[in-house]
Amino acid sequence: MGKVIHDIPVLQIVGYKNSGKTTFIKKVIRQLSNEGYRVGVIKHHGHGGSPDMIEPGDTDTAQFQNEGAYMTAVEGEGILNIKVNGCYSIHLDQIVMMYKLIPLDVILIEGYKKAHYPKFLMARDNQDLMELLDQCVNVVGVITDRMEEESEFLIFQTSQAAEFTEYIKEKFFKRR
């Protein structure tokens, strides 16, 4: 059987630590999921070190990993857990390609400021916005409560997760 790569829209939300990214994305996920859309999320762990992984040491999967398996996956009851033990970072484009093998409606990415996907900047104030604009490419809009001037970008308030979700549906989803 050949590869199936779905044409799935990818959208990033980037900002500094504690800017509200996770809270905002959770609201968007909840609304889309409640409407029957399938949302994939990729989060960058930008706090140094590897992310926490809870894996009981006596499972078959843990034993395979302990024996040196580079990649393991376990599926059951419609749940798939994948773990890759690499000595290098896995590039975001590779992760997105894995996600595109699953029939999702949208992929939301939290973080990865330097990635090339369309992105919204989560800015607490104009200083955050200016600094983020220096670091980011392919900026579509801004999510903030404190814009002091007119902007060339789409603007959503942090309280407008529902409006942001409607934007995603109108911009990226085909009518169901």
C-alpha atoms as a PDB file:
ATOM      1  CA  MET A   1       0.000   0.000   0.000  1.00  0.00           C
ATOM      2  CA  GLY A   2       1.344   3.428  -0.922  1.00  0.00           C
ATOM      3  CA  LYS A   3       1.744   6.491   1.253  1.00  0.00           C
ATOM      4  CA  VAL A   4      -1.268   8.691   1.851  1.00  0.00           C
ATOM      5  CA  ILE A   5      -0.370  12.299   2.472  1.00  0.00           C
ATOM      6  CA  HIS A   6      -3.414  14.398   3.240  1.00  0.00           C
ATOM      7  CA  ASP A   7      -3.486  18.070   2.320  1.00  0.00           C
ATOM      8  CA  ILE A   8      -3.964  19.313   5.862  1.00  0.00           C
ATOM      9  CA  PRO A   9      -3.700  22.995   6.788  1.00  0.00           C
ATOM     10  CA  VAL A  10      -0.911  23.785   9.248  1.00  0.00           C
ATOM     11  CA  LEU A  11      -1.018  26.870  11.451  1.00  0.00           C
ATOM     12  CA  GLN A  12       1.432  27.991  14.133  1.00  0.00           C
ATOM     13  CA  ILE A  13       0.881  30.005  17.285  1.00  0.00           C
ATOM     14  CA  VAL A  14       4.137  31.331  18.684  1.00  0.00           C
ATOM     15  CA  GLY A  15       5.060  33.599  21.546  1.00  0.00           C
ATOM     16  CA  TYR A  16       7.129  33.820  24.651  1.00  0.00           C
ATOM     17  CA  LYS A  17       6.734  31.620  27.721  1.00  0.00           C
ATOM     18  CA  ASN A  18       3.561  32.353  29.721  1.00  0.00           C
ATOM     19  CA  SER A  19       2.062  34.455  26.924  1.00  0.00           C
ATOM     20  CA  GLY A  20      -1.137  32.369  26.839  1.00  0.00           C
ATOM     21  CA  LYS A  21      -0.418  30.116  23.847  1.00  0.00           C
ATOM     22  CA  THR A  22      -1.474  26.845  25.473  1.00  0.00           C
ATOM     23  CA  THR A  23      -4.627  28.305  27.022  1.00  0.00           C
ATOM     24  CA  PHE A  24      -5.679  29.829  23.693  1.00  0.00           C
ATOM     25  CA  ILE A  25      -4.941  26.656  21.714  1.00  0.00           C
ATOM     26  CA  LYS A  26      -6.894  24.539  24.217  1.00  0.00           C
ATOM     27  CA  LYS A  27      -9.980  26.700  23.615  1.00  0.00           C
ATOM     28  CA  VAL A  28      -9.597  26.341  19.841  1.00  0.00           C
ATOM     29  CA  ILE A  29      -9.150  22.561  20.137  1.00  0.00           C
ATOM     30  CA  ARG A  30     -12.213  22.259  22.370  1.00  0.00           C
ATOM     31  CA  GLN A  31     -14.426  24.206  19.960  1.00  0.00           C
ATOM     32  CA  LEU A  32     -13.233  22.405  16.825  1.00  0.00           C
ATOM     33  CA  SER A  33     -13.416  18.980  18.486  1.00  0.00           C
ATOM     34  CA  ASN A  34     -16.939  19.671  19.764  1.00  0.00           C
ATOM     35  CA  GLU A  35     -17.926  20.423  16.164  1.00  0.00           C
ATOM     36  CA  GLY A  36     -16.490  17.106  14.967  1.00  0.00           C
ATOM     37  CA  TYR A  37     -13.201  18.328  13.499  1.00  0.00           C
ATOM     38  CA  ARG A  38     -10.024  16.310  14.041  1.00  0.00           C
ATOM     39  CA  VAL A  39      -7.236  18.509  15.386  1.00  0.00           C
ATOM     40  CA  GLY A  40      -3.591  17.469  15.544  1.00  0.00           C
ATOM     41  CA  VAL A  41      -1.299  19.474  17.802  1.00  0.00           C
ATOM     42  CA  ILE A  42       2.488  19.687  17.856  1.00  0.00           C
ATOM     43  CA  LYS A  43       4.145  21.479  20.762  1.00  0.00           C
ATOM     44  CA  HIS A  44       7.747  22.585  20.896  1.00  0.00           C
ATOM     45  CA  HIS A  45       9.405  21.800  24.200  1.00  0.00           C
ATOM     46  CA  GLY A  46      11.622  24.858  24.358  1.00  0.00           C
ATOM     47  CA  HIS A  47      12.576  24.668  28.019  1.00  0.00           C
ATOM     48  CA  GLY A  48      15.762  22.635  27.636  1.00  0.00           C
ATOM     49  CA  GLY A  49      16.117  18.907  28.069  1.00  0.00           C
ATOM     50  CA  SER A  50      13.734  16.308  26.788  1.00  0.00           C
ATOM     51  CA  PRO A  51       9.981  16.331  27.441  1.00  0.00           C
ATOM     52  CA  ASP A  52       8.594  14.129  30.190  1.00  0.00           C
ATOM     53  CA  MET A  53       7.490  10.681  29.016  1.00  0.00           C
ATOM     54  CA  ILE A  54       5.601   8.432  31.355  1.00  0.00           C
ATOM     55  CA  GLU A  55       6.286   4.832  30.335  1.00  0.00           C
ATOM     56  CA  PRO A  56       6.096   2.036  32.869  1.00  0.00           C
ATOM     57  CA  GLY A  57       9.383   0.138  32.738  1.00  0.00           C
ATOM     58  CA  ASP A  58       7.771  -3.291  32.557  1.00  0.00           C
ATOM     59  CA  THR A  59       5.777  -2.784  29.329  1.00  0.00           C
ATOM     60  CA  ASP A  60       6.844  -4.520  26.129  1.00  0.00           C
ATOM     61  CA  THR A  61       7.336  -1.118  24.523  1.00  0.00           C
ATOM     62  CA  ALA A  62       9.645   0.043  27.324  1.00  0.00           C
ATOM     63  CA  GLN A  63      11.599  -3.209  27.050  1.00  0.00           C
ATOM     64  CA  PHE A  64      12.043  -2.664  23.286  1.00  0.00           C
ATOM     65  CA  GLN A  65      13.286   0.868  23.997  1.00  0.00           C
ATOM     66  CA  ASN A  66      15.660  -0.397  26.683  1.00  0.00           C
ATOM     67  CA  GLU A  67      17.095  -2.868  24.188  1.00  0.00           C
ATOM     68  CA  GLY A  68      17.939   0.018  21.865  1.00  0.00           C
ATOM     69  CA  ALA A  69      14.951   0.344  19.521  1.00  0.00           C
ATOM     70  CA  TYR A  70      15.218   3.691  17.778  1.00  0.00           C
ATOM     71  CA  MET A  71      11.445   4.038  17.339  1.00  0.00           C
ATOM     72  CA  THR A  72       8.543   2.225  18.966  1.00  0.00           C
ATOM     73  CA  ALA A  73       4.803   2.476  18.597  1.00  0.00           C
ATOM     74  CA  VAL A  74       1.941   0.870  20.436  1.00  0.00           C
ATOM     75  CA  GLU A  75      -1.677   0.978  19.261  1.00  0.00           C
ATOM     76  CA  GLY A  76      -4.792  -0.201  21.000  1.00  0.00           C
ATOM     77  CA  GLU A  77      -8.420   0.849  21.263  1.00  0.00           C
ATOM     78  CA  GLY A  78      -7.829   3.624  18.733  1.00  0.00           C
ATOM     79  CA  ILE A  79      -4.879   5.131  20.609  1.00  0.00           C
ATOM     80  CA  LEU A  80      -1.417   5.285  19.046  1.00  0.00           C
ATOM     81  CA  ASN A  81       1.659   6.230  21.068  1.00  0.00           C
ATOM     82  CA  ILE A  82       4.914   6.742  19.179  1.00  0.00           C
ATOM     83  CA  LYS A  83       8.305   7.313  20.749  1.00  0.00           C
ATOM     84  CA  VAL A  84      11.512   8.049  18.878  1.00  0.00           C
ATOM     85  CA  ASN A  85      14.809   7.824  20.768  1.00  0.00           C
ATOM     86  CA  GLY A  86      17.205   9.783  18.613  1.00  0.00           C
ATOM     87  CA  CYS A  87      20.548  11.322  19.233  1.00  0.00           C
ATOM     88  CA  TYR A  88      19.432  14.339  17.234  1.00  0.00           C
ATOM     89  CA  SER A  89      16.344  16.518  17.169  1.00  0.00           C
ATOM     90  CA  ILE A  90      13.549  15.518  14.850  1.00  0.00           C
ATOM     91  CA  HIS A  91      12.835  18.364  12.453  1.00  0.00           C
ATOM     92  CA  LEU A  92       9.365  19.903  12.559  1.00  0.00           C
ATOM     93  CA  ASP A  93       8.769  19.110   8.877  1.00  0.00           C
ATOM     94  CA  GLN A  94       9.323  15.405   9.635  1.00  0.00           C
ATOM     95  CA  ILE A  95       6.792  15.539  12.475  1.00  0.00           C
ATOM     96  CA  VAL A  96       4.276  17.337  10.246  1.00  0.00           C
ATOM     97  CA  MET A  97       4.746  14.649   7.577  1.00  0.00           C
ATOM     98  CA  MET A  98       3.933  11.952  10.156  1.00  0.00           C
ATOM     99  CA  TYR A  99       0.802  13.870  11.168  1.00  0.00           C
ATOM    100  CA  LYS A 100      -0.254  14.143   7.514  1.00  0.00           C
ATOM    101  CA  LEU A 101      -0.512  10.354   7.364  1.00  0.00           C
ATOM    102  CA  ILE A 102      -3.505  10.606   9.721  1.00  0.00           C
ATOM    103  CA  PRO A 103      -6.833  11.992   8.450  1.00  0.00           C
ATOM    104  CA  LEU A 104      -6.800  15.277  10.381  1.00  0.00           C
ATOM    105  CA  ASP A 105      -8.655  18.481   9.551  1.00  0.00           C
ATOM    106  CA  VAL A 106      -5.983  20.862  10.852  1.00  0.00           C
ATOM    107  CA  ILE A 107      -2.548  20.769  12.473  1.00  0.00           C
ATOM    108  CA  LEU A 108      -1.867  23.420  15.106  1.00  0.00           C
ATOM    109  CA  ILE A 109       1.718  24.007  16.143  1.00  0.00           C
ATOM    110  CA  GLU A 110       2.639  25.708  19.403  1.00  0.00           C
ATOM    111  CA  GLY A 111       6.073  27.241  19.186  1.00  0.00           C
ATOM    112  CA  TYR A 112       8.872  26.732  16.651  1.00  0.00           C
ATOM    113  CA  LYS A 113       9.365  30.459  16.026  1.00  0.00           C
ATOM    114  CA  LYS A 114      11.779  29.903  13.128  1.00  0.00           C
ATOM    115  CA  ALA A 115       9.573  27.439  11.197  1.00  0.00           C
ATOM    116  CA  HIS A 116       8.093  28.447   7.856  1.00  0.00           C
ATOM    117  CA  TYR A 117       4.400  27.633   8.392  1.00  0.00           C
ATOM    118  CA  PRO A 118       1.772  30.421   8.536  1.00  0.00           C
ATOM    119  CA  LYS A 119       1.767  31.769  12.051  1.00  0.00           C
ATOM    120  CA  PHE A 120       0.026  33.966  14.555  1.00  0.00           C
ATOM    121  CA  LEU A 121       2.138  35.767  17.137  1.00  0.00           C
ATOM    122  CA  MET A 122       0.928  35.712  20.746  1.00  0.00           C
ATOM    123  CA  ALA A 123       2.163  39.104  21.952  1.00  0.00           C
ATOM    124  CA  ARG A 124       1.598  40.493  25.439  1.00  0.00           C
ATOM    125  CA  ASP A 125       2.528  44.000  24.277  1.00  0.00           C
ATOM    126  CA  ASN A 126       4.129  45.933  21.410  1.00  0.00           C
ATOM    127  CA  GLN A 127       7.653  45.117  22.620  1.00  0.00           C
ATOM    128  CA  ASP A 128       6.877  41.360  22.422  1.00  0.00           C
ATOM    129  CA  LEU A 129       5.405  41.916  18.979  1.00  0.00           C
ATOM    130  CA  MET A 130       8.462  43.764  17.672  1.00  0.00           C
ATOM    131  CA  GLU A 131      10.844  41.127  19.046  1.00  0.00           C
ATOM    132  CA  LEU A 132       8.750  38.276  17.619  1.00  0.00           C
ATOM    133  CA  LEU A 133       8.548  39.957  14.223  1.00  0.00           C
ATOM    134  CA  ASP A 134      12.365  40.038  14.165  1.00  0.00           C
ATOM    135  CA  GLN A 135      12.464  36.263  14.789  1.00  0.00           C
ATOM    136  CA  CYS A 136       9.539  34.966  12.745  1.00  0.00           C
ATOM    137  CA  VAL A 137       8.645  34.544   9.086  1.00  0.00           C
ATOM    138  CA  ASN A 138       5.288  33.993   7.396  1.00  0.00           C
ATOM    139  CA  VAL A 139       3.335  35.961  10.008  1.00  0.00           C
ATOM    140  CA  VAL A 140      -0.390  36.078   9.263  1.00  0.00           C
ATOM    141  CA  GLY A 141      -1.704  37.697  12.398  1.00  0.00           C
ATOM    142  CA  VAL A 142      -1.398  38.633  16.039  1.00  0.00           C
ATOM    143  CA  ILE A 143      -3.224  37.466  19.156  1.00  0.00           C
ATOM    144  CA  THR A 144      -3.018  40.118  21.864  1.00  0.00           C
ATOM    145  CA  ASP A 145      -4.922  42.412  24.170  1.00  0.00           C
ATOM    146  CA  ARG A 146      -2.515  45.334  23.928  1.00  0.00           C
ATOM    147  CA  MET A 147      -2.002  46.653  20.422  1.00  0.00           C
ATOM    148  CA  GLU A 148      -1.291  50.379  20.524  1.00  0.00           C
ATOM    149  CA  GLU A 149      -1.383  51.060  16.815  1.00  0.00           C
ATOM    150  CA  GLU A 150      -2.919  49.897  13.556  1.00  0.00           C
ATOM    151  CA  SER A 151      -1.472  46.712  12.150  1.00  0.00           C
ATOM    152  CA  GLU A 152      -1.011  45.151   8.747  1.00  0.00           C
ATOM    153  CA  PHE A 153      -1.857  41.774  10.324  1.00  0.00           C
ATOM    154  CA  LEU A 154      -5.094  40.089  11.308  1.00  0.00           C
ATOM    155  CA  ILE A 155      -5.691  40.771  14.986  1.00  0.00           C
ATOM    156  CA  PHE A 156      -7.546  38.643  17.511  1.00  0.00           C
ATOM    157  CA  GLN A 157      -7.894  39.433  21.188  1.00  0.00           C
ATOM    158  CA  THR A 158      -6.849  36.673  23.597  1.00  0.00           C
ATOM    159  CA  SER A 159     -10.533  36.410  24.533  1.00  0.00           C
ATOM    160  CA  GLN A 160     -11.514  35.732  20.900  1.00  0.00           C
ATOM    161  CA  ALA A 161     -10.721  32.033  20.606  1.00  0.00           C
ATOM    162  CA  ALA A 162     -14.208  31.430  19.147  1.00  0.00           C
ATOM    163  CA  GLU A 163     -13.638  34.073  16.466  1.00  0.00           C
ATOM    164  CA  PHE A 164     -10.199  32.634  15.739  1.00  0.00           C
ATOM    165  CA  THR A 165     -11.772  29.198  15.356  1.00  0.00           C
ATOM    166  CA  GLU A 166     -14.310  30.622  12.889  1.00  0.00           C
ATOM    167  CA  TYR A 167     -11.405  32.159  10.948  1.00  0.00           C
ATOM    168  CA  ILE A 168      -9.735  28.732  10.721  1.00  0.00           C
ATOM    169  CA  LYS A 169     -12.955  27.111   9.511  1.00  0.00           C
ATOM    170  CA  GLU A 170     -13.627  29.781   6.888  1.00  0.00           C
ATOM    171  CA  LYS A 171     -10.036  30.006   5.665  1.00  0.00           C
ATOM    172  CA  PHE A 172      -8.996  26.340   5.652  1.00  0.00           C
ATOM    173  CA  PHE A 173     -11.930  23.936   5.810  1.00  0.00           C
ATOM    174  CA  LYS A 174     -14.067  22.832   2.924  1.00  0.00           C
ATOM    175  CA  ARG A 175     -17.780  22.941   3.579  1.00  0.00           C
ATOM    176  CA  ARG A 176     -19.027  19.737   5.155  1.00  0.00           C
END
